[in-house]
Amino acid sequence: MITEAKLAKIVAAFAQYNIILQTDGLVVTRLNQREVSFDASTYMTDQFIKLITDVLADQINQDVWGLL
């Protein structure tokens, strides 16, 4: 289970890669420029990190295919 302290560490870790997570308590409300609503308290840490990276991968795929 993710606590606010763990979420703060996750936010800081992603920030090192220029990935910005905005939060409201335990809910992530923005992922970079994309509006999202992920309740971090409902995920295990590894599941939550996978969710974030999957969303990013999906966005990259859409952007690249849009250029071709």
PDB file of N, CA and C in Angstrom:
ATOM      1  N   MET A   1       0.839  -1.178   0.000  1.00  0.00           N
ATOM      2  CA  MET A   1       0.000   0.000   0.000  1.00  0.00           C
ATOM      3  C   MET A   1       0.889   1.248   0.000  1.00  0.00           C
ATOM      4  N   ILE A   2       0.481   2.238  -0.742  1.00  0.00           N
ATOM      5  CA  ILE A   2       1.264   3.468  -0.855  1.00  0.00           C
ATOM      6  C   ILE A   2       0.725   4.497   0.130  1.00  0.00           C
ATOM      7  N   THR A   3       1.635   5.069   0.875  1.00  0.00           N
ATOM      8  CA  THR A   3       1.311   6.145   1.809  1.00  0.00           C
ATOM      9  C   THR A   3       1.711   7.474   1.182  1.00  0.00           C
ATOM     10  N   GLU A   4       1.338   8.575   1.828  1.00  0.00           N
ATOM     11  CA  GLU A   4       1.740   9.886   1.305  1.00  0.00           C
ATOM     12  C   GLU A   4       3.255  10.023   1.279  1.00  0.00           C
ATOM     13  N   ALA A   5       3.942   9.466   2.273  1.00  0.00           N
ATOM     14  CA  ALA A   5       5.406   9.521   2.304  1.00  0.00           C
ATOM     15  C   ALA A   5       6.005   8.750   1.127  1.00  0.00           C
ATOM     16  N   LYS A   6       5.481   7.566   0.847  1.00  0.00           N
ATOM     17  CA  LYS A   6       5.969   6.780  -0.293  1.00  0.00           C
ATOM     18  C   LYS A   6       5.660   7.490  -1.603  1.00  0.00           C
ATOM     19  N   LEU A   7       4.459   8.068  -1.701  1.00  0.00           N
ATOM     20  CA  LEU A   7       4.091   8.771  -2.929  1.00  0.00           C
ATOM     21  C   LEU A   7       5.022   9.955  -3.162  1.00  0.00           C
ATOM     22  N   ALA A   8       5.381  10.654  -2.125  1.00  0.00           N
ATOM     23  CA  ALA A   8       6.311  11.780  -2.261  1.00  0.00           C
ATOM     24  C   ALA A   8       7.657  11.308  -2.803  1.00  0.00           C
ATOM     25  N   LYS A   9       8.113  10.144  -2.367  1.00  0.00           N
ATOM     26  CA  LYS A   9       9.372   9.588  -2.874  1.00  0.00           C
ATOM     27  C   LYS A   9       9.235   9.177  -4.338  1.00  0.00           C
ATOM     28  N   ILE A  10       8.103   8.621  -4.697  1.00  0.00           N
ATOM     29  CA  ILE A  10       7.860   8.238  -6.095  1.00  0.00           C
ATOM     30  C   ILE A  10       7.837   9.482  -6.973  1.00  0.00           C
ATOM     31  N   VAL A  11       7.144  10.529  -6.522  1.00  0.00           N
ATOM     32  CA  VAL A  11       7.085  11.793  -7.264  1.00  0.00           C
ATOM     33  C   VAL A  11       8.490  12.341  -7.468  1.00  0.00           C
ATOM     34  N   ALA A  12       9.303  12.320  -6.426  1.00  0.00           N
ATOM     35  CA  ALA A  12      10.680  12.821  -6.517  1.00  0.00           C
ATOM     36  C   ALA A  12      11.517  11.973  -7.476  1.00  0.00           C
ATOM     37  N   ALA A  13      11.319  10.667  -7.445  1.00  0.00           N
ATOM     38  CA  ALA A  13      12.085   9.784  -8.342  1.00  0.00           C
ATOM     39  C   ALA A  13      11.736  10.058  -9.802  1.00  0.00           C
ATOM     40  N   PHE A  14      10.460  10.186 -10.115  1.00  0.00           N
ATOM     41  CA  PHE A  14      10.064  10.483 -11.489  1.00  0.00           C
ATOM     42  C   PHE A  14      10.549  11.864 -11.918  1.00  0.00           C
ATOM     43  N   ALA A  15      10.589  12.819 -10.996  1.00  0.00           N
ATOM     44  CA  ALA A  15      11.052  14.171 -11.316  1.00  0.00           C
ATOM     45  C   ALA A  15      12.497  14.166 -11.792  1.00  0.00           C
ATOM     46  N   GLN A  16      13.296  13.212 -11.320  1.00  0.00           N
ATOM     47  CA  GLN A  16      14.687  13.104 -11.777  1.00  0.00           C
ATOM     48  C   GLN A  16      14.757  12.820 -13.276  1.00  0.00           C
ATOM     49  N   TYR A  17      13.675  12.294 -13.842  1.00  0.00           N
ATOM     50  CA  TYR A  17      13.607  11.983 -15.267  1.00  0.00           C
ATOM     51  C   TYR A  17      12.718  12.983 -16.009  1.00  0.00           C
ATOM     52  N   ASN A  18      12.491  14.142 -15.380  1.00  0.00           N
ATOM     53  CA  ASN A  18      11.648  15.204 -15.945  1.00  0.00           C
ATOM     54  C   ASN A  18      10.209  14.752 -16.195  1.00  0.00           C
ATOM     55  N   ILE A  19       9.736  13.846 -15.370  1.00  0.00           N
ATOM     56  CA  ILE A  19       8.350  13.391 -15.407  1.00  0.00           C
ATOM     57  C   ILE A  19       7.673  13.998 -14.178  1.00  0.00           C
ATOM     58  N   ILE A  20       6.689  14.840 -14.425  1.00  0.00           N
ATOM     59  CA  ILE A  20       6.057  15.591 -13.348  1.00  0.00           C
ATOM     60  C   ILE A  20       4.728  14.953 -12.962  1.00  0.00           C
ATOM     61  N   LEU A  21       4.637  14.559 -11.703  1.00  0.00           N
ATOM     62  CA  LEU A  21       3.395  14.050 -11.138  1.00  0.00           C
ATOM     63  C   LEU A  21       2.863  15.101 -10.170  1.00  0.00           C
ATOM     64  N   GLN A  22       1.625  15.544 -10.390  1.00  0.00           N
ATOM     65  CA  GLN A  22       0.979  16.457  -9.450  1.00  0.00           C
ATOM     66  C   GLN A  22      -0.020  15.651  -8.644  1.00  0.00           C
ATOM     67  N   THR A  23      -0.079  15.925  -7.359  1.00  0.00           N
ATOM     68  CA  THR A  23      -0.930  15.137  -6.481  1.00  0.00           C
ATOM     69  C   THR A  23      -1.860  16.020  -5.657  1.00  0.00           C
ATOM     70  N   ASP A  24      -2.914  15.388  -5.199  1.00  0.00           N
ATOM     71  CA  ASP A  24      -3.826  15.971  -4.229  1.00  0.00           C
ATOM     72  C   ASP A  24      -4.042  14.880  -3.190  1.00  0.00           C
ATOM     73  N   GLY A  25      -3.275  14.951  -2.116  1.00  0.00           N
ATOM     74  CA  GLY A  25      -3.283  13.850  -1.151  1.00  0.00           C
ATOM     75  C   GLY A  25      -2.659  12.635  -1.792  1.00  0.00           C
ATOM     76  N   LEU A  26      -3.390  11.552  -1.819  1.00  0.00           N
ATOM     77  CA  LEU A  26      -2.888  10.315  -2.426  1.00  0.00           C
ATOM     78  C   LEU A  26      -3.359  10.120  -3.865  1.00  0.00           C
ATOM     79  N   VAL A  27      -3.995  11.131  -4.427  1.00  0.00           N
ATOM     80  CA  VAL A  27      -4.479  11.032  -5.804  1.00  0.00           C
ATOM     81  C   VAL A  27      -3.557  11.806  -6.735  1.00  0.00           C
ATOM     82  N   VAL A  28      -3.050  11.122  -7.754  1.00  0.00           N
ATOM     83  CA  VAL A  28      -2.260  11.794  -8.791  1.00  0.00           C
ATOM     84  C   VAL A  28      -3.260  12.417  -9.759  1.00  0.00           C
ATOM     85  N   THR A  29      -3.139  13.733  -9.936  1.00  0.00           N
ATOM     86  CA  THR A  29      -4.103  14.469 -10.759  1.00  0.00           C
ATOM     87  C   THR A  29      -3.560  14.840 -12.134  1.00  0.00           C
ATOM     88  N   ARG A  30      -2.236  14.903 -12.253  1.00  0.00           N
ATOM     89  CA  ARG A  30      -1.621  15.209 -13.556  1.00  0.00           C
ATOM     90  C   ARG A  30      -0.344  14.397 -13.700  1.00  0.00           C
ATOM     91  N   LEU A  31      -0.140  13.926 -14.925  1.00  0.00           N
ATOM     92  CA  LEU A  31       1.085  13.224 -15.303  1.00  0.00           C
ATOM     93  C   LEU A  31       1.643  13.994 -16.481  1.00  0.00           C
ATOM     94  N   ASN A  32       2.693  14.762 -16.226  1.00  0.00           N
ATOM     95  CA  ASN A  32       3.191  15.746 -17.172  1.00  0.00           C
ATOM     96  C   ASN A  32       2.031  16.668 -17.541  1.00  0.00           C
ATOM     97  N   GLN A  33       1.662  16.754 -18.791  1.00  0.00           N
ATOM     98  CA  GLN A  33       0.575  17.647 -19.199  1.00  0.00           C
ATOM     99  C   GLN A  33      -0.789  16.947 -19.251  1.00  0.00           C
ATOM    100  N   ARG A  34      -0.817  15.679 -18.947  1.00  0.00           N
ATOM    101  CA  ARG A  34      -2.037  14.874 -19.090  1.00  0.00           C
ATOM    102  C   ARG A  34      -2.814  14.829 -17.774  1.00  0.00           C
ATOM    103  N   GLU A  35      -4.090  15.140 -17.841  1.00  0.00           N
ATOM    104  CA  GLU A  35      -4.947  15.063 -16.658  1.00  0.00           C
ATOM    105  C   GLU A  35      -5.288  13.602 -16.396  1.00  0.00           C
ATOM    106  N   VAL A  36      -5.059  13.164 -15.156  1.00  0.00           N
ATOM    107  CA  VAL A  36      -5.339  11.787 -14.763  1.00  0.00           C
ATOM    108  C   VAL A  36      -5.985  11.801 -13.380  1.00  0.00           C
ATOM    109  N   SER A  37      -6.435  10.662 -12.948  1.00  0.00           N
ATOM    110  CA  SER A  37      -6.965  10.515 -11.597  1.00  0.00           C
ATOM    111  C   SER A  37      -6.638   9.104 -11.125  1.00  0.00           C
ATOM    112  N   PHE A  38      -5.474   8.970 -10.488  1.00  0.00           N
ATOM    113  CA  PHE A  38      -5.017   7.676  -9.992  1.00  0.00           C
ATOM    114  C   PHE A  38      -4.927   7.746  -8.474  1.00  0.00           C
ATOM    115  N   ASP A  39      -5.718   6.943  -7.795  1.00  0.00           N
ATOM    116  CA  ASP A  39      -5.672   6.874  -6.338  1.00  0.00           C
ATOM    117  C   ASP A  39      -4.547   5.921  -5.944  1.00  0.00           C
ATOM    118  N   ALA A  40      -3.428   6.484  -5.559  1.00  0.00           N
ATOM    119  CA  ALA A  40      -2.236   5.685  -5.272  1.00  0.00           C
ATOM    120  C   ALA A  40      -2.451   4.712  -4.115  1.00  0.00           C
ATOM    121  N   SER A  41      -3.379   5.026  -3.227  1.00  0.00           N
ATOM    122  CA  SER A  41      -3.598   4.155  -2.065  1.00  0.00           C
ATOM    123  C   SER A  41      -4.176   2.801  -2.445  1.00  0.00           C
ATOM    124  N   THR A  42      -4.649   2.662  -3.672  1.00  0.00           N
ATOM    125  CA  THR A  42      -5.243   1.394  -4.110  1.00  0.00           C
ATOM    126  C   THR A  42      -4.238   0.489  -4.825  1.00  0.00           C
ATOM    127  N   TYR A  43      -2.980   0.920  -4.898  1.00  0.00           N
ATOM    128  CA  TYR A  43      -1.952   0.164  -5.609  1.00  0.00           C
ATOM    129  C   TYR A  43      -0.811  -0.220  -4.680  1.00  0.00           C
ATOM    130  N   MET A  44      -0.175  -1.335  -4.997  1.00  0.00           N
ATOM    131  CA  MET A  44       1.122  -1.651  -4.406  1.00  0.00           C
ATOM    132  C   MET A  44       2.142  -0.796  -5.160  1.00  0.00           C
ATOM    133  N   THR A  45       3.281  -0.548  -4.559  1.00  0.00           N
ATOM    134  CA  THR A  45       4.270   0.355  -5.142  1.00  0.00           C
ATOM    135  C   THR A  45       4.667  -0.059  -6.551  1.00  0.00           C
ATOM    136  N   ASP A  46       4.988  -1.338  -6.746  1.00  0.00           N
ATOM    137  CA  ASP A  46       5.421  -1.779  -8.079  1.00  0.00           C
ATOM    138  C   ASP A  46       4.302  -1.652  -9.109  1.00  0.00           C
ATOM    139  N   GLN A  47       3.063  -1.903  -8.709  1.00  0.00           N
ATOM    140  CA  GLN A  47       1.929  -1.759  -9.623  1.00  0.00           C
ATOM    141  C   GLN A  47       1.735  -0.300 -10.031  1.00  0.00           C
ATOM    142  N   PHE A  48       1.919   0.595  -9.079  1.00  0.00           N
ATOM    143  CA  PHE A  48       1.721   2.013  -9.361  1.00  0.00           C
ATOM    144  C   PHE A  48       2.793   2.541 -10.314  1.00  0.00           C
ATOM    145  N   ILE A  49       4.042   2.147 -10.076  1.00  0.00           N
ATOM    146  CA  ILE A  49       5.127   2.563 -10.964  1.00  0.00           C
ATOM    147  C   ILE A  49       4.882   2.015 -12.371  1.00  0.00           C
ATOM    148  N   LYS A  50       4.429   0.776 -12.465  1.00  0.00           N
ATOM    149  CA  LYS A  50       4.113   0.182 -13.777  1.00  0.00           C
ATOM    150  C   LYS A  50       2.982   0.941 -14.462  1.00  0.00           C
ATOM    151  N   LEU A  51       1.968   1.335 -13.714  1.00  0.00           N
ATOM    152  CA  LEU A  51       0.865   2.114 -14.269  1.00  0.00           C
ATOM    153  C   LEU A  51       1.379   3.418 -14.872  1.00  0.00           C
ATOM    154  N   ILE A  52       2.208   4.132 -14.133  1.00  0.00           N
ATOM    155  CA  ILE A  52       2.747   5.412 -14.616  1.00  0.00           C
ATOM    156  C   ILE A  52       3.574   5.196 -15.876  1.00  0.00           C
ATOM    157  N   THR A  53       4.444   4.197 -15.873  1.00  0.00           N
ATOM    158  CA  THR A  53       5.293   3.966 -17.045  1.00  0.00           C
ATOM    159  C   THR A  53       4.477   3.481 -18.243  1.00  0.00           C
ATOM    160  N   ASP A  54       3.409   2.726 -18.000  1.00  0.00           N
ATOM    161  CA  ASP A  54       2.535   2.301 -19.100  1.00  0.00           C
ATOM    162  C   ASP A  54       1.829   3.498 -19.733  1.00  0.00           C
ATOM    163  N   VAL A  55       1.366   4.434 -18.916  1.00  0.00           N
ATOM    164  CA  VAL A  55       0.717   5.639 -19.441  1.00  0.00           C
ATOM    165  C   VAL A  55       1.715   6.441 -20.277  1.00  0.00           C
ATOM    166  N   LEU A  56       2.934   6.566 -19.774  1.00  0.00           N
ATOM    167  CA  LEU A  56       3.964   7.288 -20.527  1.00  0.00           C
ATOM    168  C   LEU A  56       4.284   6.589 -21.841  1.00  0.00           C
ATOM    169  N   ALA A  57       4.412   5.273 -21.814  1.00  0.00           N
ATOM    170  CA  ALA A  57       4.705   4.519 -23.035  1.00  0.00           C
ATOM    171  C   ALA A  57       3.582   4.678 -24.048  1.00  0.00           C
ATOM    172  N   ASP A  58       2.352   4.657 -23.589  1.00  0.00           N
ATOM    173  CA  ASP A  58       1.210   4.856 -24.474  1.00  0.00           C
ATOM    174  C   ASP A  58       1.263   6.238 -25.122  1.00  0.00           C
ATOM    175  N   GLN A  59       1.595   7.243 -24.343  1.00  0.00           N
ATOM    176  CA  GLN A  59       1.677   8.605 -24.878  1.00  0.00           C
ATOM    177  C   GLN A  59       2.798   8.723 -25.914  1.00  0.00           C
ATOM    178  N   ILE A  60       3.937   8.115 -25.634  1.00  0.00           N
ATOM    179  CA  ILE A  60       5.050   8.146 -26.584  1.00  0.00           C
ATOM    180  C   ILE A  60       4.654   7.450 -27.886  1.00  0.00           C
ATOM    181  N   ASN A  61       4.003   6.294 -27.779  1.00  0.00           N
ATOM    182  CA  ASN A  61       3.549   5.583 -28.981  1.00  0.00           C
ATOM    183  C   ASN A  61       2.602   6.441 -29.802  1.00  0.00           C
ATOM    184  N   GLN A  62       1.640   7.075 -29.162  1.00  0.00           N
ATOM    185  CA  GLN A  62       0.708   7.936 -29.877  1.00  0.00           C
ATOM    186  C   GLN A  62       1.433   9.101 -30.558  1.00  0.00           C
ATOM    187  N   ASP A  63       2.377   9.703 -29.842  1.00  0.00           N
ATOM    188  CA  ASP A  63       3.111  10.833 -30.415  1.00  0.00           C
ATOM    189  C   ASP A  63       3.933  10.419 -31.616  1.00  0.00           C
ATOM    190  N   VAL A  64       4.628   9.290 -31.513  1.00  0.00           N
ATOM    191  CA  VAL A  64       5.484   8.823 -32.609  1.00  0.00           C
ATOM    192  C   VAL A  64       4.633   8.437 -33.816  1.00  0.00           C
ATOM    193  N   TRP A  65       3.556   7.672 -33.605  1.00  0.00           N
ATOM    194  CA  TRP A  65       2.711   7.291 -34.729  1.00  0.00           C
ATOM    195  C   TRP A  65       2.060   8.511 -35.370  1.00  0.00           C
ATOM    196  N   GLY A  66       1.817   9.534 -34.585  1.00  0.00           N
ATOM    197  CA  GLY A  66       1.255  10.762 -35.134  1.00  0.00           C
ATOM    198  C   GLY A  66       2.221  11.500 -36.051  1.00  0.00           C
ATOM    199  N   LEU A  67       3.509  11.219 -35.891  1.00  0.00           N
ATOM    200  CA  LEU A  67       4.532  11.862 -36.725  1.00  0.00           C
ATOM    201  C   LEU A  67       4.774  11.105 -38.022  1.00  0.00           C
ATOM    202  N   LEU A  68       4.369   9.863 -38.094  1.00  0.00           N
ATOM    203  CA  LEU A  68       4.658   9.033 -39.280  1.00  0.00           C
ATOM    204  C   LEU A  68       3.580   9.160 -40.331  1.00  0.00           C
TER     205      LEU A  68
END
